[in-house]
Amino acid sequence: MNPATIFKLVLLLGVVLLVVAIGIRARLEQPLLLLRRPALALRAMAAMYVALPAFVLVLVWLMPLQAGVGAVLLGFAVAPVLPPWAKKGFAVGGQGDYVIGLQVLSSGVALLVVPLMIWIVYRMFGVETTLDPLAVELVLLATVAAPLALGMGLARFYPGAERLADRADRVGGVIMLLGVVVILIANGRAILDVIGQGTLIATVAVVLFGLLVGHLLGGPDPGNRGALAEATILRHPAIALLLASSAFPEHETTVFGTVALYMITAFLLSVPYERWRKQVARSQPHVPHP
């Protein structure tokens, strides 16, 4: 087993541990909230899977970007929420049932939207992809569905689940932090290479638009509004990577660099927004569920 494979497995372990911890602290009824409140669910999915993909399609059509860059941005626009995102959703005041429900629902909707986006890109740009839809399903199963279900099961049947969640949180957080450092070091040159030719401008525009549309469609609760805004931009990088690399296998370096650049941009631009939403969440009460 080569070092790259070991690194990917360790990074996967970090993601799984964080999602297991989220599952332990969740309630079984939480994923059903957005199904009980279809208007709230439709607004969230419209922000994530209609408004943002439409904006990115227009942006990619208008801007002469490097080969592979547009595919990465489109991949992020249809990917589900980044698995450890739930911690940030809670941090801005998002209610547990909304945050967990958004995680589950976005993963399910992504399975339908990804093939649609592949078809749209082929019709608009003539770009074909060899991506097997099963690959997307396996990524979501390994990083979202299975660890979330495991965490919920542990919470129900294992008395020491809360202590286990604390440990999983700490270990998973350390693994992810170290993983980010390694990725930045390994892809530093690739990131610098893709910054020009409009890539950085396009990436910033996508992230800012995602924050805006998520905030506007997040519903009446200030915490949930902040949670949706961050969920709209913090999407699963593995799905974006799968889509873009299968469409542009000869531009792998550009694809990796753009994925890393997007994640850095999304996290950096979310910091001031997150601070603002935390202040709002502390000063305003939650809007109760009907």
Protein backbone atom coordinates (compact mmCIF):
# COMPACT_ATOMS: atom_id res chain seq x y z
CA MET A 1 0.00 0.00 0.00
CA ASN A 2 1.53 3.30 -1.11
CA PRO A 3 1.69 6.43 1.09
CA ALA A 4 -1.03 8.23 -0.91
CA THR A 5 -3.50 5.40 -0.29
CA ILE A 6 -2.66 5.31 3.42
CA PHE A 7 -3.19 9.07 3.65
CA LYS A 8 -6.60 8.81 1.98
CA LEU A 9 -7.66 6.03 4.35
CA VAL A 10 -6.54 8.01 7.40
CA LEU A 11 -8.39 11.09 6.13
CA LEU A 12 -11.48 8.93 5.57
CA LEU A 13 -11.17 7.70 9.16
CA GLY A 14 -11.17 11.31 10.38
CA VAL A 15 -14.35 12.09 8.44
CA VAL A 16 -16.05 8.91 9.70
CA LEU A 17 -15.18 9.67 13.32
CA LEU A 18 -16.61 13.20 13.07
CA VAL A 19 -19.84 11.97 11.46
CA VAL A 20 -20.20 9.16 14.03
CA ALA A 21 -19.94 11.79 16.78
CA ILE A 22 -22.65 13.84 15.05
CA GLY A 23 -24.84 10.74 14.78
CA ILE A 24 -24.44 9.96 18.50
CA ARG A 25 -25.64 13.44 19.42
CA ALA A 26 -28.53 13.36 16.95
CA ARG A 27 -32.04 12.10 17.59
CA LEU A 28 -33.66 9.54 15.33
CA GLU A 29 -36.47 11.94 14.43
CA GLN A 30 -34.12 14.73 13.36
CA PRO A 31 -33.61 13.68 9.72
CA LEU A 32 -37.41 13.75 9.31
CA LEU A 33 -37.84 17.46 10.15
CA LEU A 34 -37.37 18.67 6.59
CA LEU A 35 -39.82 16.01 5.41
CA ARG A 36 -42.39 17.19 7.95
CA ARG A 37 -41.85 20.77 6.76
CA PRO A 38 -41.70 20.45 2.95
CA ALA A 39 -41.63 24.22 2.34
CA LEU A 40 -38.46 24.54 4.42
CA ALA A 41 -36.94 21.56 2.63
CA LEU A 42 -37.79 22.93 -0.80
CA ARG A 43 -36.21 26.30 0.01
CA ALA A 44 -33.02 24.58 1.18
CA MET A 45 -32.79 22.33 -1.86
CA ALA A 46 -33.59 25.27 -4.18
CA ALA A 47 -30.62 27.17 -2.75
CA MET A 48 -28.24 24.22 -2.96
CA TYR A 49 -29.33 22.42 -6.12
CA VAL A 50 -31.11 25.02 -8.30
CA ALA A 51 -29.81 28.53 -7.63
CA LEU A 52 -26.13 27.72 -7.09
CA PRO A 53 -25.76 25.25 -10.01
CA ALA A 54 -27.58 27.71 -12.32
CA PHE A 55 -25.23 30.51 -11.26
CA VAL A 56 -22.16 28.33 -11.81
CA LEU A 57 -23.38 27.18 -15.23
CA VAL A 58 -23.79 30.79 -16.37
CA LEU A 59 -20.42 31.75 -14.86
CA VAL A 60 -18.59 28.87 -16.58
CA TRP A 61 -20.33 29.70 -19.85
CA LEU A 62 -19.30 33.37 -19.68
CA MET A 63 -15.74 33.09 -18.32
CA PRO A 64 -12.83 31.58 -20.30
CA LEU A 65 -11.56 29.38 -17.47
CA GLN A 66 -8.76 26.81 -17.59
CA ALA A 67 -9.80 23.29 -18.61
CA GLY A 68 -11.07 21.43 -15.55
CA VAL A 69 -11.76 24.51 -13.41
CA GLY A 70 -15.39 24.84 -14.48
CA ALA A 71 -15.93 21.12 -13.93
CA VAL A 72 -14.70 21.44 -10.34
CA LEU A 73 -16.98 24.41 -9.61
CA LEU A 74 -19.95 22.56 -11.13
CA GLY A 75 -19.02 19.47 -9.12
CA PHE A 76 -19.10 21.44 -5.88
CA ALA A 77 -22.45 23.00 -6.88
CA VAL A 78 -24.16 19.58 -7.04
CA ALA A 79 -22.25 17.80 -4.27
CA PRO A 80 -23.91 17.13 -0.89
CA VAL A 81 -22.91 18.89 2.30
CA LEU A 82 -19.37 18.27 3.56
CA PRO A 83 -19.85 15.57 6.28
CA PRO A 84 -18.15 17.41 9.19
CA TRP A 85 -20.08 20.59 8.25
CA ALA A 86 -22.70 19.85 10.92
CA LYS A 87 -20.38 21.25 13.62
CA LYS A 88 -20.30 24.58 11.79
CA GLY A 89 -24.06 24.42 11.34
CA PHE A 90 -24.50 24.07 15.09
CA ALA A 91 -21.92 26.82 15.72
CA VAL A 92 -23.98 29.45 13.87
CA GLY A 93 -27.10 28.53 15.84
CA GLY A 94 -28.65 25.94 13.55
CA GLN A 95 -31.13 23.65 15.30
CA GLY A 96 -30.12 20.02 15.55
CA ASP A 97 -33.09 18.65 13.64
CA TYR A 98 -32.52 21.14 10.80
CA VAL A 99 -28.76 20.53 10.56
CA ILE A 100 -28.97 16.72 10.62
CA GLY A 101 -31.96 16.75 8.29
CA LEU A 102 -30.09 18.94 5.83
CA GLN A 103 -27.11 16.57 5.90
CA VAL A 104 -29.28 13.54 5.11
CA LEU A 105 -31.57 15.22 2.58
CA SER A 106 -28.73 16.82 0.62
CA SER A 107 -27.03 13.45 0.25
CA GLY A 108 -30.20 11.90 -1.15
CA VAL A 109 -30.90 14.76 -3.55
CA ALA A 110 -27.29 14.75 -4.79
CA LEU A 111 -27.76 11.21 -6.11
CA LEU A 112 -30.46 12.58 -8.43
CA VAL A 113 -28.82 15.90 -9.32
CA VAL A 114 -25.34 14.61 -10.23
CA PRO A 115 -26.51 12.58 -13.29
CA LEU A 116 -28.68 15.54 -14.35
CA MET A 117 -25.70 17.91 -14.18
CA ILE A 118 -23.59 15.47 -16.22
CA TRP A 119 -26.29 15.54 -18.92
CA ILE A 120 -26.63 19.35 -18.84
CA VAL A 121 -22.86 19.85 -19.12
CA TYR A 122 -22.73 17.49 -22.09
CA ARG A 123 -25.57 19.36 -23.84
CA MET A 124 -24.14 22.83 -23.10
CA PHE A 125 -20.39 22.27 -23.44
CA GLY A 126 -20.05 18.91 -25.20
CA VAL A 127 -17.97 17.54 -22.31
CA GLU A 128 -18.40 13.83 -21.57
CA THR A 129 -17.52 12.02 -18.36
CA THR A 130 -16.77 8.39 -17.61
CA LEU A 131 -17.98 8.67 -14.02
CA ASP A 132 -19.86 5.64 -12.75
CA PRO A 133 -22.86 6.82 -10.64
CA LEU A 134 -22.08 3.94 -8.27
CA ALA A 135 -18.84 5.72 -7.31
CA VAL A 136 -20.85 8.69 -6.01
CA GLU A 137 -23.15 6.39 -4.06
CA LEU A 138 -20.21 4.57 -2.46
CA VAL A 139 -18.59 7.86 -1.37
CA LEU A 140 -21.83 9.04 0.24
CA LEU A 141 -22.40 5.66 1.87
CA ALA A 142 -18.90 5.55 3.37
CA THR A 143 -18.72 9.17 4.52
CA VAL A 144 -22.31 10.06 5.41
CA ALA A 145 -24.96 7.34 5.60
CA ALA A 146 -23.02 4.53 7.31
CA PRO A 147 -21.22 6.57 10.03
CA LEU A 148 -24.36 8.62 10.76
CA ALA A 149 -26.41 5.45 11.19
CA LEU A 150 -23.65 3.92 13.33
CA GLY A 151 -23.61 6.95 15.59
CA MET A 152 -27.39 6.91 16.02
CA GLY A 153 -27.26 3.20 16.81
CA LEU A 154 -24.54 3.68 19.41
CA ALA A 155 -26.55 6.49 21.03
CA ARG A 156 -29.53 4.16 21.35
CA PHE A 157 -27.84 0.98 22.54
CA TYR A 158 -24.46 1.91 24.08
CA PRO A 159 -24.56 3.63 27.52
CA GLY A 160 -21.16 5.30 27.13
CA ALA A 161 -21.94 6.74 23.70
CA GLU A 162 -21.62 10.38 24.76
CA ARG A 163 -18.05 9.88 26.03
CA LEU A 164 -17.28 8.00 22.84
CA ALA A 165 -18.61 10.95 20.83
CA ASP A 166 -16.26 13.34 22.64
CA ARG A 167 -13.26 11.14 21.86
CA ALA A 168 -14.31 10.63 18.24
CA ASP A 169 -14.73 14.39 17.90
CA ARG A 170 -11.25 15.12 19.23
CA VAL A 171 -9.45 12.41 17.26
CA GLY A 172 -11.38 13.12 14.07
CA GLY A 173 -10.71 16.85 14.39
CA VAL A 174 -6.97 16.31 14.81
CA ILE A 175 -6.85 13.95 11.83
CA MET A 176 -8.73 16.40 9.63
CA LEU A 177 -6.53 19.33 10.70
CA LEU A 178 -3.34 17.41 9.94
CA GLY A 179 -4.88 16.21 6.68
CA VAL A 180 -5.59 19.78 5.59
CA VAL A 181 -1.98 20.76 6.34
CA VAL A 182 -0.66 17.83 4.28
CA ILE A 183 -3.01 18.64 1.39
CA LEU A 184 -1.93 22.28 1.36
CA ILE A 185 1.75 21.30 1.36
CA ALA A 186 1.30 18.63 -1.31
CA ASN A 187 -0.88 20.79 -3.57
CA GLY A 188 0.66 24.19 -2.88
CA ARG A 189 2.21 24.44 -6.32
CA ALA A 190 -0.99 23.27 -8.03
CA ILE A 191 -3.02 25.88 -6.14
CA LEU A 192 -0.68 28.66 -7.23
CA ASP A 193 -0.80 27.43 -10.82
CA VAL A 194 -4.61 27.65 -11.07
CA ILE A 195 -5.11 31.01 -9.34
CA GLY A 196 -4.71 32.99 -12.56
CA GLN A 197 -6.92 33.20 -15.67
CA GLY A 198 -10.00 34.07 -13.64
CA THR A 199 -10.01 30.97 -11.42
CA LEU A 200 -9.74 32.84 -8.13
CA ILE A 201 -12.34 35.42 -9.19
CA ALA A 202 -14.76 32.69 -10.27
CA THR A 203 -14.23 30.74 -7.05
CA VAL A 204 -14.81 33.79 -4.85
CA ALA A 205 -17.94 34.67 -6.86
CA VAL A 206 -19.37 31.15 -6.41
CA VAL A 207 -18.72 31.13 -2.66
CA LEU A 208 -20.18 34.62 -2.11
CA PHE A 209 -23.26 33.81 -4.18
CA GLY A 210 -23.72 30.56 -2.26
CA LEU A 211 -23.59 32.38 1.07
CA LEU A 212 -26.09 34.96 -0.19
CA VAL A 213 -28.65 32.56 -1.65
CA GLY A 214 -28.40 30.19 1.32
CA HIS A 215 -28.95 33.09 3.71
CA LEU A 216 -31.94 34.42 1.75
CA LEU A 217 -33.67 31.02 1.46
CA GLY A 218 -32.84 29.74 4.95
CA GLY A 219 -36.25 30.40 6.47
CA PRO A 220 -37.33 32.53 9.45
CA ASP A 221 -35.03 31.05 12.08
CA PRO A 222 -31.75 33.05 12.19
CA GLY A 223 -29.68 30.01 13.20
CA ASN A 224 -31.05 27.81 10.44
CA ARG A 225 -30.54 30.63 7.94
CA GLY A 226 -26.86 30.72 8.83
CA ALA A 227 -26.63 26.93 8.70
CA LEU A 228 -28.06 26.78 5.16
CA ALA A 229 -25.76 29.55 3.95
CA GLU A 230 -22.71 27.60 5.09
CA ALA A 231 -24.12 24.29 3.84
CA THR A 232 -24.57 25.84 0.39
CA ILE A 233 -20.84 26.51 0.05
CA LEU A 234 -19.24 23.77 2.19
CA ARG A 235 -19.81 20.81 -0.11
CA HIS A 236 -18.26 17.35 -0.42
CA PRO A 237 -14.86 17.72 -2.17
CA ALA A 238 -14.66 14.03 -3.08
CA ILE A 239 -17.75 14.33 -5.29
CA ALA A 240 -16.37 17.42 -7.04
CA LEU A 241 -13.06 15.62 -7.52
CA LEU A 242 -14.75 12.53 -8.97
CA LEU A 243 -16.82 14.54 -11.44
CA ALA A 244 -14.04 16.84 -12.62
CA SER A 245 -11.28 14.23 -12.86
CA SER A 246 -13.52 11.88 -14.87
CA ALA A 247 -14.33 14.68 -17.32
CA PHE A 248 -10.75 16.02 -17.57
CA PRO A 249 -8.38 13.15 -16.70
CA GLU A 250 -5.56 14.84 -18.62
CA HIS A 251 -5.79 17.93 -16.35
CA GLU A 252 -5.51 16.18 -13.00
CA THR A 253 -3.14 18.76 -11.51
CA THR A 254 -5.50 21.62 -12.39
CA VAL A 255 -8.44 19.69 -10.94
CA PHE A 256 -6.66 18.97 -7.63
CA GLY A 257 -5.45 22.56 -7.37
CA THR A 258 -8.93 23.97 -7.99
CA VAL A 259 -10.55 21.64 -5.45
CA ALA A 260 -8.03 22.75 -2.82
CA LEU A 261 -8.44 26.42 -3.79
CA TYR A 262 -12.23 26.20 -3.51
CA MET A 263 -12.09 24.61 -0.05
CA ILE A 264 -9.63 27.24 1.22
CA THR A 265 -11.75 30.06 -0.22
CA ALA A 266 -14.98 28.65 1.21
CA PHE A 267 -13.55 28.25 4.70
CA LEU A 268 -11.89 31.69 4.71
CA LEU A 269 -14.94 33.57 3.42
CA SER A 270 -17.25 31.72 5.80
CA VAL A 271 -15.32 32.98 8.86
CA PRO A 272 -16.66 36.58 8.92
CA TYR A 273 -20.14 35.32 8.02
CA GLU A 274 -19.99 32.74 10.81
CA ARG A 275 -18.97 35.39 13.36
CA TRP A 276 -21.85 37.60 12.32
CA ARG A 277 -24.39 34.75 12.53
CA LYS A 278 -23.13 33.72 15.96
CA GLN A 279 -23.80 37.24 17.20
CA VAL A 280 -27.27 37.19 15.68
CA ALA A 281 -28.02 33.74 17.12
CA ARG A 282 -27.08 34.91 20.62
CA SER A 283 -29.27 38.00 20.38
CA GLN A 284 -32.39 36.42 18.81
CA PRO A 285 -34.45 33.44 19.98
CA HIS A 286 -35.08 30.45 17.73
CA VAL A 287 -38.33 30.40 15.82
CA PRO A 288 -40.17 27.36 17.24
CA HIS A 289 -41.24 24.51 14.98
CA PRO A 290 -44.99 24.27 14.38
